[in-house]
Amino acid sequence: MKVESNSGFSLVEMLIAVALLGLIGMGVRQMMLRAQQSSMRDNLRKNHADVSQELSGRLNHYFKRHTARTVSAPNQLSLTLPSGVVVIETICVKNDLAFQAPDALLNRCKKCDSSQRQVTRIQAKDKTQLIPSGTQKPDMPAAASVCFKNGSDPDEVEIITELLVVDPITRTDKKVSKFESLLIKDASSFTSFE
């Protein structure tokens, strides 16, 4: 007599296999999410360094070439170059971010209302540059402020740069400040805020 065997999986075995696949899938999803968050934070750190370096590079470029300077206001510096006047200032622009910083965070030399954020504007000839740019991405610094003050020496200008960095995941803010005292007659030694 021939006995037939049922070759297949029982319901319990199928449920265990589905549960294990679900756990593995959840683990892979968490690993991918953490990798994405880590990448966003790395991009933010890199972009913060790039913005800070670009700002200091621009200031260095103009300071080396200027023939006269005027601190018009705590948030504005005018430099006269052979090619024309360059104005570096902190201004308020519309805040298009999903994050609103506390009012007192970046109000050292220019206070903006709650619907705005600070950016640094550099006007040279007929060209205007905003740092950070007017179009905002979550992995870029949210705001940048540059403040100026005449130093104790007639050839000295004190520069304070502040960048607002917002964590793209937790949406928490962090202010990064740099203080520099720059002797205009010795501007060739000035290389970076970092």
N, C-alpha and C. Protein backbone atom coordinates (compact mmCIF):
# COMPACT_ATOMS: atom_id res chain seq x y z
N MET A 1 0.84 -1.17 0.00
CA MET A 1 0.00 0.00 0.00
C MET A 1 0.89 1.24 0.00
N LYS A 2 0.47 2.21 -0.82
CA LYS A 2 1.24 3.43 -1.00
C LYS A 2 0.67 4.52 -0.11
N VAL A 3 1.54 5.21 0.70
CA VAL A 3 1.11 6.27 1.60
C VAL A 3 1.49 7.63 0.97
N GLU A 4 0.51 8.51 0.87
CA GLU A 4 0.78 9.85 0.33
C GLU A 4 1.16 10.79 1.46
N SER A 5 2.20 11.59 1.22
CA SER A 5 2.60 12.57 2.24
C SER A 5 2.27 13.96 1.72
N ASN A 6 1.84 14.78 2.64
CA ASN A 6 1.57 16.18 2.30
C ASN A 6 2.86 16.96 2.47
N SER A 7 3.45 17.33 1.36
CA SER A 7 4.66 18.13 1.47
C SER A 7 4.26 19.59 1.31
N GLY A 8 4.51 20.38 2.29
CA GLY A 8 4.14 21.79 2.31
C GLY A 8 4.39 22.35 3.69
N PHE A 9 4.01 23.60 3.84
CA PHE A 9 4.22 24.27 5.12
C PHE A 9 2.91 24.30 5.89
N SER A 10 3.03 24.14 7.18
CA SER A 10 1.83 24.26 8.01
C SER A 10 1.55 25.75 8.23
N LEU A 11 0.39 26.05 8.72
CA LEU A 11 -0.01 27.44 8.98
C LEU A 11 0.93 28.10 9.99
N VAL A 12 1.36 27.39 11.00
CA VAL A 12 2.26 27.92 12.02
C VAL A 12 3.61 28.27 11.38
N GLU A 13 4.12 27.39 10.53
CA GLU A 13 5.40 27.67 9.86
C GLU A 13 5.30 28.90 8.97
N MET A 14 4.18 29.05 8.27
CA MET A 14 3.98 30.23 7.41
C MET A 14 3.93 31.51 8.24
N LEU A 15 3.24 31.50 9.36
CA LEU A 15 3.15 32.68 10.22
C LEU A 15 4.52 33.06 10.77
N ILE A 16 5.31 32.07 11.16
CA ILE A 16 6.66 32.35 11.67
C ILE A 16 7.51 32.97 10.56
N ALA A 17 7.44 32.43 9.35
CA ALA A 17 8.23 32.97 8.22
C ALA A 17 7.83 34.41 7.91
N VAL A 18 6.52 34.69 7.91
CA VAL A 18 6.04 36.05 7.64
C VAL A 18 6.51 37.01 8.75
N ALA A 19 6.45 36.58 10.00
CA ALA A 19 6.89 37.42 11.12
C ALA A 19 8.39 37.72 11.02
N LEU A 20 9.19 36.71 10.68
CA LEU A 20 10.63 36.92 10.53
C LEU A 20 10.93 37.88 9.38
N LEU A 21 10.26 37.72 8.26
CA LEU A 21 10.46 38.64 7.13
C LEU A 21 10.06 40.07 7.51
N GLY A 22 8.99 40.20 8.28
CA GLY A 22 8.56 41.53 8.74
C GLY A 22 9.61 42.18 9.64
N LEU A 23 10.18 41.40 10.57
CA LEU A 23 11.22 41.93 11.45
C LEU A 23 12.47 42.33 10.66
N ILE A 24 12.86 41.51 9.71
CA ILE A 24 14.02 41.85 8.88
C ILE A 24 13.74 43.11 8.08
N GLY A 25 12.55 43.23 7.51
CA GLY A 25 12.17 44.42 6.74
C GLY A 25 12.18 45.67 7.60
N MET A 26 11.69 45.58 8.84
CA MET A 26 11.71 46.74 9.74
C MET A 26 13.14 47.14 10.07
N GLY A 27 13.99 46.15 10.29
CA GLY A 27 15.40 46.44 10.59
C GLY A 27 16.09 47.13 9.42
N VAL A 28 15.84 46.65 8.22
CA VAL A 28 16.44 47.26 7.03
C VAL A 28 15.92 48.69 6.85
N ARG A 29 14.62 48.89 7.09
CA ARG A 29 14.04 50.24 6.96
C ARG A 29 14.67 51.20 7.95
N GLN A 30 14.87 50.76 9.20
CA GLN A 30 15.50 51.61 10.21
C GLN A 30 16.94 51.96 9.84
N MET A 31 17.66 50.97 9.29
CA MET A 31 19.03 51.23 8.87
C MET A 31 19.06 52.26 7.74
N MET A 32 18.15 52.15 6.79
CA MET A 32 18.10 53.09 5.67
C MET A 32 17.72 54.49 6.16
N LEU A 33 16.77 54.57 7.10
CA LEU A 33 16.36 55.86 7.65
C LEU A 33 17.52 56.53 8.40
N ARG A 34 18.25 55.76 9.20
CA ARG A 34 19.40 56.32 9.92
C ARG A 34 20.49 56.78 8.96
N ALA A 35 20.71 56.01 7.90
CA ALA A 35 21.70 56.41 6.90
C ALA A 35 21.29 57.71 6.22
N GLN A 36 20.01 57.86 5.91
CA GLN A 36 19.51 59.08 5.28
C GLN A 36 19.67 60.28 6.22
N GLN A 37 19.31 60.09 7.50
CA GLN A 37 19.45 61.17 8.47
C GLN A 37 20.92 61.55 8.67
N SER A 38 21.79 60.57 8.73
CA SER A 38 23.21 60.83 8.86
C SER A 38 23.74 61.59 7.65
N SER A 39 23.26 61.23 6.48
CA SER A 39 23.67 61.93 5.26
C SER A 39 23.21 63.39 5.28
N MET A 40 21.97 63.63 5.73
CA MET A 40 21.47 65.01 5.80
C MET A 40 22.29 65.84 6.78
N ARG A 41 22.64 65.25 7.92
CA ARG A 41 23.44 65.98 8.91
C ARG A 41 24.86 66.23 8.39
N ASP A 42 25.43 65.25 7.70
CA ASP A 42 26.75 65.45 7.10
C ASP A 42 26.71 66.57 6.06
N ASN A 43 25.67 66.59 5.24
CA ASN A 43 25.50 67.65 4.24
C ASN A 43 25.38 69.01 4.92
N LEU A 44 24.65 69.07 6.04
CA LEU A 44 24.49 70.32 6.77
C LEU A 44 25.85 70.81 7.29
N ARG A 45 26.64 69.91 7.86
CA ARG A 45 27.97 70.29 8.36
C ARG A 45 28.85 70.78 7.21
N LYS A 46 28.83 70.07 6.10
CA LYS A 46 29.64 70.46 4.94
C LYS A 46 29.17 71.80 4.39
N ASN A 47 27.86 71.98 4.25
CA ASN A 47 27.33 73.23 3.71
C ASN A 47 27.59 74.39 4.65
N HIS A 48 27.53 74.15 5.97
CA HIS A 48 27.85 75.20 6.94
C HIS A 48 29.29 75.64 6.75
N ALA A 49 30.21 74.67 6.62
CA ALA A 49 31.62 75.01 6.41
C ALA A 49 31.80 75.76 5.09
N ASP A 50 31.08 75.33 4.05
CA ASP A 50 31.19 76.00 2.74
C ASP A 50 30.70 77.44 2.80
N VAL A 51 29.55 77.66 3.46
CA VAL A 51 29.00 79.01 3.57
C VAL A 51 29.94 79.90 4.38
N SER A 52 30.45 79.38 5.49
CA SER A 52 31.37 80.15 6.33
C SER A 52 32.64 80.49 5.55
N GLN A 53 33.15 79.53 4.81
CA GLN A 53 34.37 79.76 4.04
C GLN A 53 34.11 80.74 2.88
N GLU A 54 32.96 80.61 2.23
CA GLU A 54 32.64 81.54 1.15
C GLU A 54 32.53 82.97 1.68
N LEU A 55 31.86 83.13 2.81
CA LEU A 55 31.71 84.45 3.40
C LEU A 55 33.07 85.04 3.78
N SER A 56 33.90 84.26 4.45
CA SER A 56 35.22 84.77 4.83
C SER A 56 36.09 85.01 3.61
N GLY A 57 35.97 84.18 2.59
CA GLY A 57 36.73 84.40 1.36
C GLY A 57 36.36 85.69 0.67
N ARG A 58 35.05 85.98 0.62
CA ARG A 58 34.60 87.23 0.02
C ARG A 58 35.12 88.43 0.81
N LEU A 59 34.98 88.38 2.13
CA LEU A 59 35.47 89.48 2.96
C LEU A 59 36.97 89.68 2.77
N ASN A 60 37.71 88.59 2.76
CA ASN A 60 39.16 88.66 2.57
C ASN A 60 39.50 89.29 1.23
N HIS A 61 38.81 88.88 0.19
CA HIS A 61 39.03 89.41 -1.15
C HIS A 61 38.84 90.93 -1.18
N TYR A 62 37.74 91.40 -0.61
CA TYR A 62 37.45 92.84 -0.65
C TYR A 62 38.35 93.64 0.29
N PHE A 63 38.66 93.09 1.47
CA PHE A 63 39.52 93.80 2.41
C PHE A 63 40.92 94.01 1.85
N LYS A 64 41.42 93.04 1.10
CA LYS A 64 42.76 93.17 0.53
C LYS A 64 42.84 94.28 -0.51
N ARG A 65 41.72 94.60 -1.15
CA ARG A 65 41.73 95.53 -2.27
C ARG A 65 41.15 96.91 -1.97
N HIS A 66 40.64 97.11 -0.78
CA HIS A 66 39.94 98.37 -0.53
C HIS A 66 40.91 99.53 -0.31
N THR A 67 40.39 100.72 -0.60
CA THR A 67 41.17 101.95 -0.38
C THR A 67 40.57 102.80 0.73
N ALA A 68 39.29 102.59 1.02
CA ALA A 68 38.62 103.31 2.13
C ALA A 68 37.49 102.44 2.64
N ARG A 69 37.12 102.67 3.90
CA ARG A 69 36.02 101.89 4.49
C ARG A 69 35.18 102.76 5.39
N THR A 70 33.91 102.38 5.52
CA THR A 70 32.99 103.08 6.41
C THR A 70 32.08 102.05 7.06
N VAL A 71 32.06 102.04 8.40
CA VAL A 71 31.07 101.23 9.11
C VAL A 71 29.85 102.13 9.26
N SER A 72 28.90 101.98 8.32
CA SER A 72 27.72 102.85 8.28
C SER A 72 26.75 102.57 9.42
N ALA A 73 26.64 101.31 9.79
CA ALA A 73 25.77 100.86 10.87
C ALA A 73 26.37 99.56 11.39
N PRO A 74 25.92 99.08 12.55
CA PRO A 74 26.49 97.82 13.05
C PRO A 74 26.31 96.65 12.08
N ASN A 75 25.32 96.74 11.20
CA ASN A 75 25.08 95.65 10.25
C ASN A 75 25.54 95.99 8.83
N GLN A 76 26.30 97.07 8.66
CA GLN A 76 26.68 97.48 7.30
C GLN A 76 28.10 98.03 7.24
N LEU A 77 28.86 97.53 6.27
CA LEU A 77 30.22 98.00 6.01
C LEU A 77 30.34 98.34 4.53
N SER A 78 30.85 99.53 4.23
CA SER A 78 31.08 99.95 2.85
C SER A 78 32.58 100.02 2.62
N LEU A 79 33.02 99.37 1.57
CA LEU A 79 34.43 99.37 1.19
C LEU A 79 34.57 99.99 -0.18
N THR A 80 35.48 100.93 -0.32
CA THR A 80 35.75 101.54 -1.62
C THR A 80 36.93 100.80 -2.23
N LEU A 81 36.70 100.23 -3.40
CA LEU A 81 37.73 99.52 -4.15
C LEU A 81 38.04 100.31 -5.41
N PRO A 82 39.15 100.04 -6.07
CA PRO A 82 39.42 100.71 -7.34
C PRO A 82 38.31 100.50 -8.37
N SER A 83 37.62 99.36 -8.29
CA SER A 83 36.56 99.07 -9.26
C SER A 83 35.19 99.61 -8.84
N GLY A 84 35.06 100.18 -7.64
CA GLY A 84 33.79 100.71 -7.17
C GLY A 84 33.56 100.39 -5.71
N VAL A 85 32.35 100.69 -5.25
CA VAL A 85 32.00 100.49 -3.84
C VAL A 85 31.38 99.11 -3.65
N VAL A 86 31.77 98.45 -2.57
CA VAL A 86 31.19 97.16 -2.17
C VAL A 86 30.53 97.37 -0.82
N VAL A 87 29.26 96.97 -0.71
CA VAL A 87 28.53 97.08 0.55
C VAL A 87 28.25 95.68 1.06
N ILE A 88 28.67 95.41 2.29
CA ILE A 88 28.42 94.13 2.95
C ILE A 88 27.51 94.43 4.12
N GLU A 89 26.34 93.77 4.15
CA GLU A 89 25.38 94.08 5.20
C GLU A 89 24.50 92.88 5.52
N THR A 90 23.96 92.91 6.73
CA THR A 90 22.97 91.93 7.15
C THR A 90 21.60 92.52 6.90
N ILE A 91 20.76 91.78 6.18
CA ILE A 91 19.41 92.25 5.87
C ILE A 91 18.40 91.18 6.29
N CYS A 92 17.15 91.55 6.28
CA CYS A 92 16.06 90.62 6.59
C CYS A 92 15.36 90.22 5.29
N VAL A 93 15.13 88.94 5.12
CA VAL A 93 14.38 88.44 3.97
C VAL A 93 13.25 87.55 4.48
N LYS A 94 12.29 87.30 3.60
CA LYS A 94 11.15 86.46 3.97
C LYS A 94 11.64 85.07 4.38
N ASN A 95 11.12 84.58 5.48
CA ASN A 95 11.49 83.27 5.98
C ASN A 95 10.62 82.22 5.30
N ASP A 96 11.21 81.45 4.38
CA ASP A 96 10.47 80.40 3.69
C ASP A 96 10.77 79.02 4.26
N LEU A 97 11.32 78.98 5.47
CA LEU A 97 11.64 77.72 6.11
C LEU A 97 10.47 77.23 6.95
N ALA A 98 10.43 75.94 7.20
CA ALA A 98 9.42 75.38 8.08
C ALA A 98 9.83 75.53 9.54
N PHE A 99 10.90 76.27 9.81
CA PHE A 99 11.42 76.45 11.15
C PHE A 99 11.49 77.93 11.47
N GLN A 100 11.08 78.31 12.65
CA GLN A 100 11.18 79.69 13.08
C GLN A 100 12.09 79.76 14.30
N ALA A 101 13.19 80.46 14.16
CA ALA A 101 14.15 80.59 15.26
C ALA A 101 13.60 81.52 16.33
N PRO A 102 14.02 81.34 17.58
CA PRO A 102 13.63 82.30 18.63
C PRO A 102 14.08 83.70 18.25
N ASP A 103 13.31 84.71 18.62
CA ASP A 103 13.58 86.09 18.22
C ASP A 103 14.97 86.56 18.61
N ALA A 104 15.46 86.16 19.76
CA ALA A 104 16.73 86.70 20.26
C ALA A 104 17.95 85.96 19.74
N LEU A 105 17.77 85.00 18.85
CA LEU A 105 18.91 84.16 18.47
C LEU A 105 19.95 84.89 17.63
N LEU A 106 19.52 85.63 16.62
CA LEU A 106 20.48 86.32 15.75
C LEU A 106 20.19 87.81 15.68
N ASN A 107 19.98 88.46 16.79
CA ASN A 107 19.64 89.88 16.73
C ASN A 107 20.76 90.76 17.27
N ARG A 108 22.01 90.36 17.07
CA ARG A 108 23.14 91.13 17.58
C ARG A 108 23.20 92.51 16.95
N CYS A 109 23.03 92.60 15.61
CA CYS A 109 23.13 93.91 14.96
C CYS A 109 21.95 94.20 14.05
N LYS A 110 21.11 93.24 13.76
CA LYS A 110 19.95 93.46 12.90
C LYS A 110 18.82 92.57 13.40
N LYS A 111 17.74 93.21 13.85
CA LYS A 111 16.59 92.46 14.36
C LYS A 111 15.55 92.34 13.25
N CYS A 112 15.11 91.13 13.01
CA CYS A 112 14.08 90.87 12.01
C CYS A 112 12.81 90.42 12.73
N ASP A 113 11.66 90.62 12.08
CA ASP A 113 10.43 90.15 12.71
C ASP A 113 10.28 88.65 12.50
N SER A 114 9.25 88.07 13.08
CA SER A 114 9.12 86.61 13.12
C SER A 114 8.88 85.98 11.75
N SER A 115 8.49 86.75 10.75
CA SER A 115 8.27 86.17 9.42
C SER A 115 9.51 86.30 8.54
N GLN A 116 10.63 86.74 9.12
CA GLN A 116 11.84 86.97 8.35
C GLN A 116 13.03 86.25 8.97
N ARG A 117 14.12 86.19 8.19
CA ARG A 117 15.38 85.65 8.67
C ARG A 117 16.52 86.53 8.16
N GLN A 118 17.67 86.50 8.84
CA GLN A 118 18.81 87.31 8.45
C GLN A 118 19.63 86.59 7.38
N VAL A 119 20.08 87.36 6.39
CA VAL A 119 21.05 86.88 5.42
C VAL A 119 22.08 87.99 5.23
N THR A 120 23.25 87.62 4.75
CA THR A 120 24.28 88.60 4.45
C THR A 120 24.21 88.92 2.97
N ARG A 121 24.09 90.21 2.66
CA ARG A 121 24.04 90.65 1.27
C ARG A 121 25.34 91.36 0.93
N ILE A 122 25.93 90.97 -0.18
CA ILE A 122 27.14 91.62 -0.68
C ILE A 122 26.79 92.23 -2.03
N GLN A 123 26.89 93.56 -2.10
CA GLN A 123 26.60 94.28 -3.33
C GLN A 123 27.91 94.86 -3.86
N ALA A 124 28.27 94.40 -5.04
CA ALA A 124 29.47 94.89 -5.72
C ALA A 124 29.10 95.22 -7.15
N LYS A 125 29.38 96.45 -7.57
CA LYS A 125 28.99 96.92 -8.91
C LYS A 125 27.50 96.68 -9.09
N ASP A 126 27.13 95.94 -10.12
CA ASP A 126 25.71 95.66 -10.36
C ASP A 126 25.38 94.21 -10.04
N LYS A 127 26.14 93.60 -9.14
CA LYS A 127 25.95 92.21 -8.77
C LYS A 127 25.62 92.12 -7.27
N THR A 128 24.59 91.33 -6.95
CA THR A 128 24.20 91.13 -5.55
C THR A 128 24.26 89.65 -5.22
N GLN A 129 24.85 89.34 -4.07
CA GLN A 129 24.92 87.95 -3.63
C GLN A 129 24.35 87.85 -2.21
N LEU A 130 23.51 86.85 -1.99
CA LEU A 130 22.96 86.58 -0.66
C LEU A 130 23.62 85.33 -0.10
N ILE A 131 24.03 85.41 1.17
CA ILE A 131 24.63 84.26 1.85
C ILE A 131 23.90 84.04 3.17
N PRO A 132 23.26 82.90 3.42
CA PRO A 132 22.97 81.85 2.46
C PRO A 132 22.01 82.35 1.39
N SER A 133 21.89 81.61 0.32
CA SER A 133 21.10 82.07 -0.82
C SER A 133 19.63 82.26 -0.44
N GLY A 134 18.92 82.97 -1.30
CA GLY A 134 17.50 83.25 -1.05
C GLY A 134 16.64 81.99 -1.06
N THR A 135 16.99 81.02 -1.91
CA THR A 135 16.25 79.76 -1.91
C THR A 135 16.88 78.85 -0.88
N GLN A 136 16.10 78.40 0.05
CA GLN A 136 16.63 77.68 1.19
C GLN A 136 16.36 76.20 1.09
N LYS A 137 17.37 75.39 1.45
CA LYS A 137 17.23 73.95 1.51
C LYS A 137 17.43 73.52 2.95
N PRO A 138 16.85 72.38 3.35
CA PRO A 138 16.96 71.97 4.76
C PRO A 138 18.38 71.62 5.20
N ASP A 139 19.29 71.34 4.26
CA ASP A 139 20.64 70.99 4.67
C ASP A 139 21.62 72.16 4.53
N MET A 140 21.09 73.38 4.51
CA MET A 140 21.92 74.59 4.45
C MET A 140 21.73 75.39 5.75
N PRO A 141 22.71 76.22 6.12
CA PRO A 141 22.48 77.11 7.27
C PRO A 141 21.23 77.96 7.01
N ALA A 142 20.44 78.18 8.04
CA ALA A 142 19.17 78.89 7.88
C ALA A 142 19.34 80.39 7.79
N ALA A 143 20.35 80.92 8.44
CA ALA A 143 20.54 82.38 8.46
C ALA A 143 22.01 82.70 8.67
N ALA A 144 22.39 83.90 8.22
CA ALA A 144 23.77 84.37 8.42
C ALA A 144 23.73 85.85 8.73
N SER A 145 24.47 86.23 9.74
CA SER A 145 24.53 87.63 10.16
C SER A 145 25.99 88.04 10.29
N VAL A 146 26.32 89.22 9.76
CA VAL A 146 27.66 89.78 9.90
C VAL A 146 27.52 91.15 10.54
N CYS A 147 28.24 91.36 11.63
CA CYS A 147 28.18 92.64 12.34
C CYS A 147 29.57 93.26 12.34
N PHE A 148 29.60 94.60 12.28
CA PHE A 148 30.86 95.33 12.19
C PHE A 148 30.92 96.39 13.28
N LYS A 149 32.15 96.65 13.74
CA LYS A 149 32.36 97.69 14.75
C LYS A 149 33.77 98.22 14.56
N ASN A 150 33.92 99.54 14.63
CA ASN A 150 35.26 100.11 14.56
C ASN A 150 36.04 99.69 15.78
N GLY A 151 37.29 99.33 15.58
CA GLY A 151 38.14 98.90 16.68
C GLY A 151 38.79 100.08 17.38
N SER A 152 39.61 99.79 18.36
CA SER A 152 40.30 100.84 19.10
C SER A 152 41.38 101.50 18.25
N ASP A 153 41.97 100.76 17.34
CA ASP A 153 42.94 101.31 16.39
C ASP A 153 42.17 101.84 15.18
N PRO A 154 42.55 102.99 14.60
CA PRO A 154 41.83 103.54 13.45
C PRO A 154 41.80 102.59 12.25
N ASP A 155 42.77 101.68 12.16
CA ASP A 155 42.82 100.74 11.04
C ASP A 155 42.18 99.40 11.37
N GLU A 156 41.44 99.32 12.46
CA GLU A 156 40.90 98.05 12.91
C GLU A 156 39.38 98.01 12.76
N VAL A 157 38.87 96.87 12.30
CA VAL A 157 37.44 96.62 12.25
C VAL A 157 37.18 95.28 12.94
N GLU A 158 36.23 95.27 13.87
CA GLU A 158 35.84 94.02 14.50
C GLU A 158 34.69 93.43 13.70
N ILE A 159 34.81 92.15 13.39
CA ILE A 159 33.80 91.46 12.59
C ILE A 159 33.26 90.30 13.41
N ILE A 160 31.94 90.21 13.49
CA ILE A 160 31.29 89.10 14.18
C ILE A 160 30.37 88.43 13.16
N THR A 161 30.62 87.18 12.87
CA THR A 161 29.73 86.43 11.99
C THR A 161 28.97 85.41 12.81
N GLU A 162 27.71 85.29 12.50
CA GLU A 162 26.87 84.30 13.18
C GLU A 162 26.09 83.54 12.11
N LEU A 163 26.11 82.24 12.22
CA LEU A 163 25.32 81.39 11.34
C LEU A 163 24.34 80.60 12.18
N LEU A 164 23.12 80.48 11.70
CA LEU A 164 22.11 79.67 12.37
C LEU A 164 22.02 78.34 11.63
N VAL A 165 22.30 77.27 12.33
CA VAL A 165 22.24 75.93 11.76
C VAL A 165 21.06 75.22 12.40
N VAL A 166 20.19 74.66 11.56
CA VAL A 166 19.00 73.96 12.06
C VAL A 166 19.12 72.49 11.70
N ASP A 167 19.08 71.63 12.72
CA ASP A 167 19.16 70.19 12.48
C ASP A 167 17.99 69.78 11.59
N PRO A 168 18.25 69.15 10.44
CA PRO A 168 17.16 68.82 9.51
C PRO A 168 16.23 67.73 10.02
N ILE A 169 16.63 67.00 11.05
CA ILE A 169 15.79 65.92 11.57
C ILE A 169 14.97 66.40 12.77
N THR A 170 15.64 66.93 13.79
CA THR A 170 14.94 67.31 15.01
C THR A 170 14.41 68.74 14.96
N ARG A 171 14.83 69.53 13.95
CA ARG A 171 14.43 70.93 13.77
C ARG A 171 14.84 71.80 14.96
N THR A 172 15.93 71.41 15.64
CA THR A 172 16.47 72.24 16.71
C THR A 172 17.55 73.14 16.13
N ASP A 173 17.75 74.30 16.77
CA ASP A 173 18.68 75.28 16.22
C ASP A 173 19.97 75.34 17.02
N LYS A 174 21.00 75.83 16.36
CA LYS A 174 22.29 76.03 17.00
C LYS A 174 22.93 77.24 16.35
N LYS A 175 23.37 78.19 17.17
CA LYS A 175 24.02 79.38 16.66
C LYS A 175 25.53 79.17 16.73
N VAL A 176 26.21 79.47 15.61
CA VAL A 176 27.66 79.37 15.56
C VAL A 176 28.20 80.77 15.34
N SER A 177 28.97 81.29 16.30
CA SER A 177 29.50 82.66 16.21
C SER A 177 31.01 82.63 16.04
N LYS A 178 31.51 83.58 15.24
CA LYS A 178 32.94 83.77 15.06
C LYS A 178 33.25 85.24 15.29
N PHE A 179 34.23 85.52 16.12
CA PHE A 179 34.65 86.89 16.42
C PHE A 179 36.05 87.10 15.83
N GLU A 180 36.22 88.16 15.07
CA GLU A 180 37.52 88.50 14.49
C GLU A 180 37.76 89.98 14.68
N SER A 181 38.97 90.32 14.97
CA SER A 181 39.39 91.72 14.97
C SER A 181 40.40 91.85 13.86
N LEU A 182 40.08 92.66 12.87
CA LEU A 182 40.89 92.74 11.67
C LEU A 182 41.56 94.10 11.55
N LEU A 183 42.86 94.10 11.48
CA LEU A 183 43.60 95.33 11.22
C LEU A 183 43.64 95.52 9.71
N ILE A 184 43.06 96.61 9.24
CA ILE A 184 42.95 96.84 7.82
C ILE A 184 44.31 96.91 7.15
N LYS A 185 45.27 97.55 7.78
CA LYS A 185 46.58 97.68 7.14
C LYS A 185 47.30 96.34 7.06
N ASP A 186 46.82 95.34 7.81
CA ASP A 186 47.43 94.02 7.80
C ASP A 186 46.46 92.98 7.28
N ALA A 187 45.61 93.37 6.33
CA ALA A 187 44.57 92.47 5.83
C ALA A 187 45.12 91.26 5.10
N SER A 188 46.33 91.31 4.63
CA SER A 188 46.88 90.17 3.89
C SER A 188 47.04 88.94 4.78
N SER A 189 47.10 89.15 6.09
CA SER A 189 47.23 88.00 7.00
C SER A 189 45.89 87.38 7.34
N PHE A 190 44.81 88.03 6.94
CA PHE A 190 43.47 87.53 7.25
C PHE A 190 43.08 86.50 6.22
N THR A 191 42.81 85.28 6.65
CA THR A 191 42.48 84.25 5.68
C THR A 191 41.11 83.63 5.90
N SER A 192 40.68 83.45 7.12
CA SER A 192 39.43 82.73 7.33
C SER A 192 38.89 82.97 8.72
N PHE A 193 37.57 82.80 8.86
CA PHE A 193 36.96 82.86 10.19
C PHE A 193 37.11 81.53 10.90
N GLU A 194 37.30 80.46 10.16
CA GLU A 194 37.33 79.13 10.74
C GLU A 194 38.61 78.91 11.54
